């Protein structure tokens, strides 16, 4: 039996090493930005080229000029492999453009503090992540400090408040795993 215990222990050591490597890794994008400008949300790509670090010879975006106005709903539509997800990753500042500039309200994204910036943006992914719990639970997930007022403000900002209040149980409606109970 001691052999099984040792084997299991060694597997745990290997797994924990990977966890610690992940926890202490250095970000590839330098966190040099210190600016904390007021953000209204106008995004502009100016002559942006982009290649993923793992595929430097495969240019994903070439000379992209794009303006996304603040307060407007914008859809990125195109064929698979057309660069839609890459644009979103650049907006989230997960990567740096190979060349060109990305500005938020006229300020280069490189100059904005990462933590400040990431507290002010949100992404609605193609596949929603909803947990088996109420709408309220899903909105407040990970924000134990948030108040009812914060939840309502977030709901209105995401343009879901009217939809939710029309549900029979409102914010107490159960979403079901992956939102299967929502339509």
Foldseek 3Di string as FASTA:
>chain_A
DVVVVVVVVVVVVVVVVVVVCVVPPDQPQDQQADDQDDFQFKKWWAQFWADDPVCVPDIQDGGDTDIDDGPDDDDDDDDPSNCPVVVVCVLLVSDDTPDTFMDGVNHTPSNHGNVSSNVPDDDQDPQHFDAFFFQQCRQCPPPPVDDPVNSCVVCVVVVCQVVQVPDPVRRRDTQYGSSPVPD
